[in-house]
Protein backbone atom coordinates (compact mmCIF):
# COMPACT_ATOMS: atom_id res chain seq x y z
CA MET A 1 68.17 87.73 66.09
CA LEU A 2 66.28 85.98 69.01
CA ARG A 3 67.11 82.98 67.89
CA LYS A 4 70.89 83.82 67.79
CA ILE A 5 70.51 85.34 71.32
CA LEU A 6 69.44 82.34 72.92
CA LEU A 7 71.49 80.37 70.77
CA GLY A 8 74.87 82.52 72.48
CA VAL A 9 73.37 82.11 75.96
CA ALA A 10 72.94 78.73 75.71
CA MET A 11 77.02 78.57 74.93
CA MET A 12 77.62 80.49 77.61
CA VAL A 13 75.64 77.93 79.54
CA LEU A 14 77.91 75.82 78.12
CA ALA A 15 81.29 76.54 78.52
CA ALA A 16 80.23 78.00 82.36
CA GLY A 17 79.41 74.19 82.39
CA VAL A 18 82.62 72.95 81.09
CA VAL A 19 84.66 75.27 83.21
CA ALA A 20 82.61 74.31 86.44
CA GLU A 21 83.28 70.84 85.86
CA GLU A 22 87.29 71.13 84.69
CA LYS A 23 89.08 69.51 88.33
CA PRO A 24 91.43 72.29 90.18
CA VAL A 25 94.79 71.84 89.39
CA PHE A 26 97.44 72.12 92.45
CA GLU A 27 100.81 73.45 92.19
CA ALA A 28 103.73 72.12 94.56
CA GLY A 29 105.79 75.31 95.93
CA VAL A 30 102.62 76.16 96.38
CA HIS A 31 99.87 74.54 97.26
CA TYR A 32 101.66 71.27 98.45
CA ALA A 33 105.85 70.59 99.07
CA GLU A 34 107.84 68.25 97.61
CA ILE A 35 109.68 66.09 99.70
CA SER A 36 113.46 66.50 98.54
CA LYS A 37 113.93 62.49 99.14
CA ALA A 38 111.12 59.93 98.47
CA VAL A 39 110.66 58.19 101.59
CA PRO A 40 110.46 54.64 100.21
CA THR A 41 106.35 53.62 101.67
CA ARG A 42 104.89 50.17 102.73
CA SER A 43 103.47 48.35 99.77
CA ALA A 44 104.47 49.34 96.27
CA ASP A 45 100.99 48.35 94.74
CA LYS A 46 99.70 50.93 96.47
CA VAL A 47 99.68 54.62 96.66
CA GLU A 48 100.41 55.34 100.48
CA VAL A 49 98.93 58.61 102.24
CA VAL A 50 99.76 58.99 105.86
CA ALA A 51 98.66 61.31 108.54
CA VAL A 52 101.22 62.75 110.89
CA PHE A 53 99.34 64.20 113.85
CA GLY A 54 100.08 64.09 117.65
CA TYR A 55 97.10 63.89 120.49
CA LEU A 56 98.23 66.61 122.10
CA CYS A 57 97.63 68.91 119.08
CA PRO A 58 94.37 71.21 118.81
CA HIS A 59 94.40 71.88 115.15
CA CYS A 60 94.97 67.55 114.95
CA ASN A 61 91.98 67.16 116.89
CA ASN A 62 90.10 69.36 114.85
CA PHE A 63 91.31 67.88 111.07
CA GLU A 64 90.17 63.68 112.82
CA PRO A 65 86.35 64.23 112.05
CA MET A 66 87.37 65.32 108.65
CA LEU A 67 89.74 62.67 107.87
CA GLN A 68 87.50 60.05 109.42
CA SER A 69 84.90 60.98 107.13
CA TRP A 70 87.20 61.30 103.75
CA GLU A 71 88.63 57.87 104.84
CA LYS A 72 85.19 55.97 104.11
CA ASN A 73 85.50 57.26 100.46
CA LEU A 74 89.02 55.36 99.75
CA THR A 75 89.78 52.46 97.74
CA ASP A 76 91.53 49.29 97.82
CA ASP A 77 94.22 50.83 95.87
CA ILE A 78 95.29 53.30 98.74
CA ASP A 79 97.54 52.37 101.63
CA TYR A 80 95.78 55.11 104.30
CA HIS A 81 97.25 54.82 108.29
CA HIS A 82 98.46 57.49 111.01
CA ILE A 83 102.36 58.43 112.17
CA PRO A 84 102.32 60.04 115.51
CA VAL A 85 104.48 62.45 115.52
CA VAL A 86 107.26 63.83 118.85
CA PHE A 87 108.45 66.96 118.90
CA SER A 88 109.17 66.95 122.81
CA LYS A 89 109.24 64.21 125.67
CA ALA A 90 105.62 65.45 126.53
CA TRP A 91 104.49 63.82 122.93
CA ALA A 92 106.21 60.68 123.46
CA PRO A 93 103.95 58.89 126.21
CA LEU A 94 100.67 59.21 123.72
CA ALA A 95 102.97 58.38 121.09
CA ARG A 96 103.59 54.96 122.58
CA GLY A 97 99.91 54.71 123.71
CA TYR A 98 99.21 54.97 120.34
CA TYR A 99 101.68 51.98 118.94
CA VAL A 100 99.98 49.45 121.86
CA ALA A 101 96.67 50.41 120.67
CA ASP A 102 97.62 50.03 117.07
CA MET A 103 99.42 46.66 117.67
CA LYS A 104 96.23 45.47 119.60
CA GLY A 105 94.26 46.14 116.94
CA VAL A 106 91.88 48.69 118.41
CA VAL A 107 92.90 51.84 117.38
CA LYS A 108 89.86 52.35 115.36
CA GLU A 109 87.78 52.58 118.49
CA THR A 110 90.69 54.20 120.55
CA HIS A 111 91.86 57.32 118.56
CA GLN A 112 88.98 59.27 118.33
CA ALA A 113 88.78 58.71 122.22
CA MET A 114 92.05 59.86 123.14
CA PHE A 115 91.41 62.97 121.32
CA ASP A 116 88.28 63.73 123.22
CA ALA A 117 89.63 63.00 126.09
CA VAL A 118 92.24 65.69 125.94
CA HIS A 119 90.33 68.05 124.00
CA MET A 120 87.19 67.25 125.56
CA GLN A 121 87.46 65.94 128.91
CA ASN A 122 90.75 67.62 129.61
CA ARG A 123 92.31 64.45 130.68
CA ARG A 124 95.89 64.84 131.63
CA PHE A 125 98.01 61.84 130.75
CA ASN A 126 101.26 62.49 133.53
CA ASN A 127 102.22 58.84 133.05
CA GLU A 128 102.21 55.16 132.00
CA LYS A 129 99.50 54.50 134.50
CA ASP A 130 97.28 56.87 133.49
CA LEU A 131 97.42 55.66 130.03
CA ALA A 132 96.80 52.03 130.54
CA GLU A 133 93.71 53.08 132.73
CA PHE A 134 92.50 55.17 129.38
CA TYR A 135 93.40 51.66 127.82
CA ALA A 136 92.00 49.24 129.78
CA GLY A 137 88.66 50.72 129.08
CA TYR A 138 89.02 49.25 125.38
CA GLY A 139 89.89 45.63 126.06
CA ILE A 140 93.93 46.51 126.52
CA ASP A 141 94.91 44.45 130.22
CA PRO A 142 96.66 46.81 132.35
CA GLU A 143 99.98 44.39 132.77
CA GLU A 144 99.65 43.76 129.29
CA PHE A 145 99.76 47.24 128.52
CA ASP A 146 102.36 47.76 130.54
CA LYS A 147 104.72 45.03 128.83
CA LEU A 148 103.95 46.32 125.37
CA TYR A 149 104.26 50.13 126.18
CA ASN A 150 108.04 49.29 127.09
CA SER A 151 108.65 46.57 124.79
CA PHE A 152 111.26 46.72 121.94
CA ALA A 153 108.21 46.50 119.18
CA VAL A 154 106.99 49.52 121.04
CA ASP A 155 110.95 51.02 120.52
CA THR A 156 111.36 49.96 117.40
CA LYS A 157 107.67 51.19 116.38
CA LEU A 158 108.20 54.83 117.84
CA ASN A 159 111.70 55.11 116.41
CA GLN A 160 110.90 54.04 112.87
CA GLY A 161 107.80 56.65 112.93
CA MET A 162 110.34 59.44 113.92
CA ALA A 163 112.36 58.95 111.15
CA LYS A 164 109.95 59.04 108.96
CA VAL A 165 108.78 62.14 110.10
CA GLN A 166 112.09 63.52 109.98
CA SER A 167 112.21 61.83 106.47
CA TYR A 168 108.80 63.42 105.66
CA GLU A 169 110.43 67.20 106.40
CA VAL A 170 107.33 67.53 109.10
CA THR A 171 107.67 70.65 110.98
CA GLY A 172 103.80 70.94 112.09
CA VAL A 173 100.97 68.81 112.18
CA PRO A 174 98.56 67.97 110.84
CA SER A 175 100.20 66.60 107.78
CA MET A 176 99.75 64.39 105.63
CA VAL A 177 101.84 62.87 103.21
CA VAL A 178 101.12 61.18 99.55
CA ASN A 179 102.96 58.19 98.61
CA GLY A 180 106.34 59.51 100.84
CA LYS A 181 106.81 62.52 97.85
CA TYR A 182 104.49 65.19 98.37
CA ARG A 183 103.76 66.82 101.90
CA VAL A 184 100.26 68.62 102.28
CA THR A 185 99.48 71.13 105.28
CA ALA A 186 96.89 73.51 105.73
CA SER A 187 99.22 76.71 105.70
CA MET A 188 99.90 75.54 102.30
CA ALA A 189 96.56 73.92 100.68
CA GLY A 190 94.77 77.05 102.12
CA GLY A 191 92.89 75.09 105.26
CA SER A 192 91.84 71.75 106.72
CA ALA A 193 89.34 71.10 103.79
CA GLU A 194 91.55 72.34 101.04
CA MET A 195 94.59 69.86 102.72
CA LEU A 196 91.83 66.73 101.76
CA LYS A 197 91.04 68.14 98.11
CA VAL A 198 95.08 68.60 97.89
CA VAL A 199 95.46 65.27 98.58
CA ASN A 200 92.74 64.06 96.39
CA TYR A 201 94.06 65.63 93.44
CA LEU A 202 98.12 64.07 94.41
CA ILE A 203 96.83 60.49 94.95
CA GLU A 204 95.08 60.24 90.88
CA LYS A 205 98.76 62.03 89.80
CA GLU A 206 100.18 59.04 91.93
CA LEU A 207 97.25 56.33 90.34
CA ASN A 208 97.49 57.79 87.14
CA SER A 209 101.53 57.75 86.89
CA ASN A 210 101.66 53.99 87.55
């Protein structure tokens, strides 16, 4: 009798272990949204993940440290990058500043610093001069910043970014887009940390479909 009881307990423990190891399954329309028309990605050889953000967004500010920790575990078959959103005229200068930093190759140094400047130091970037002063601290000469800020190249990046955000059907940030097909938000996923779980699920889904 004791042997049967012990065997039964062992089976229950084993079953519990199997359940615990099962990967979560997320549903379209529940945990993430399917974009109505797939948006072309930058590279056909990689799974693209785009973080759509705004420096003025407090939720993006809170989410950024999670993103930075998550990014450290990405493999070479993932193309991860950002797109700054422009919901109003007030958002456009900061988006332009991001693209200047991107063109100069200093986003890794300036990205978190800009969030900190806006949300921790309460700095207000009311004009181009304010932004030039900020980015001067990261090696961008103010005159060069001004030229790039008003350049055709930055105009193009800004317009392309806005067009992609519209195609992604983004209405709020932070949002993440996987391979131009799926949009993930905190409200659908159930929280910021859960967003990344859903993104990981969709990345694996896309990798396995190739």
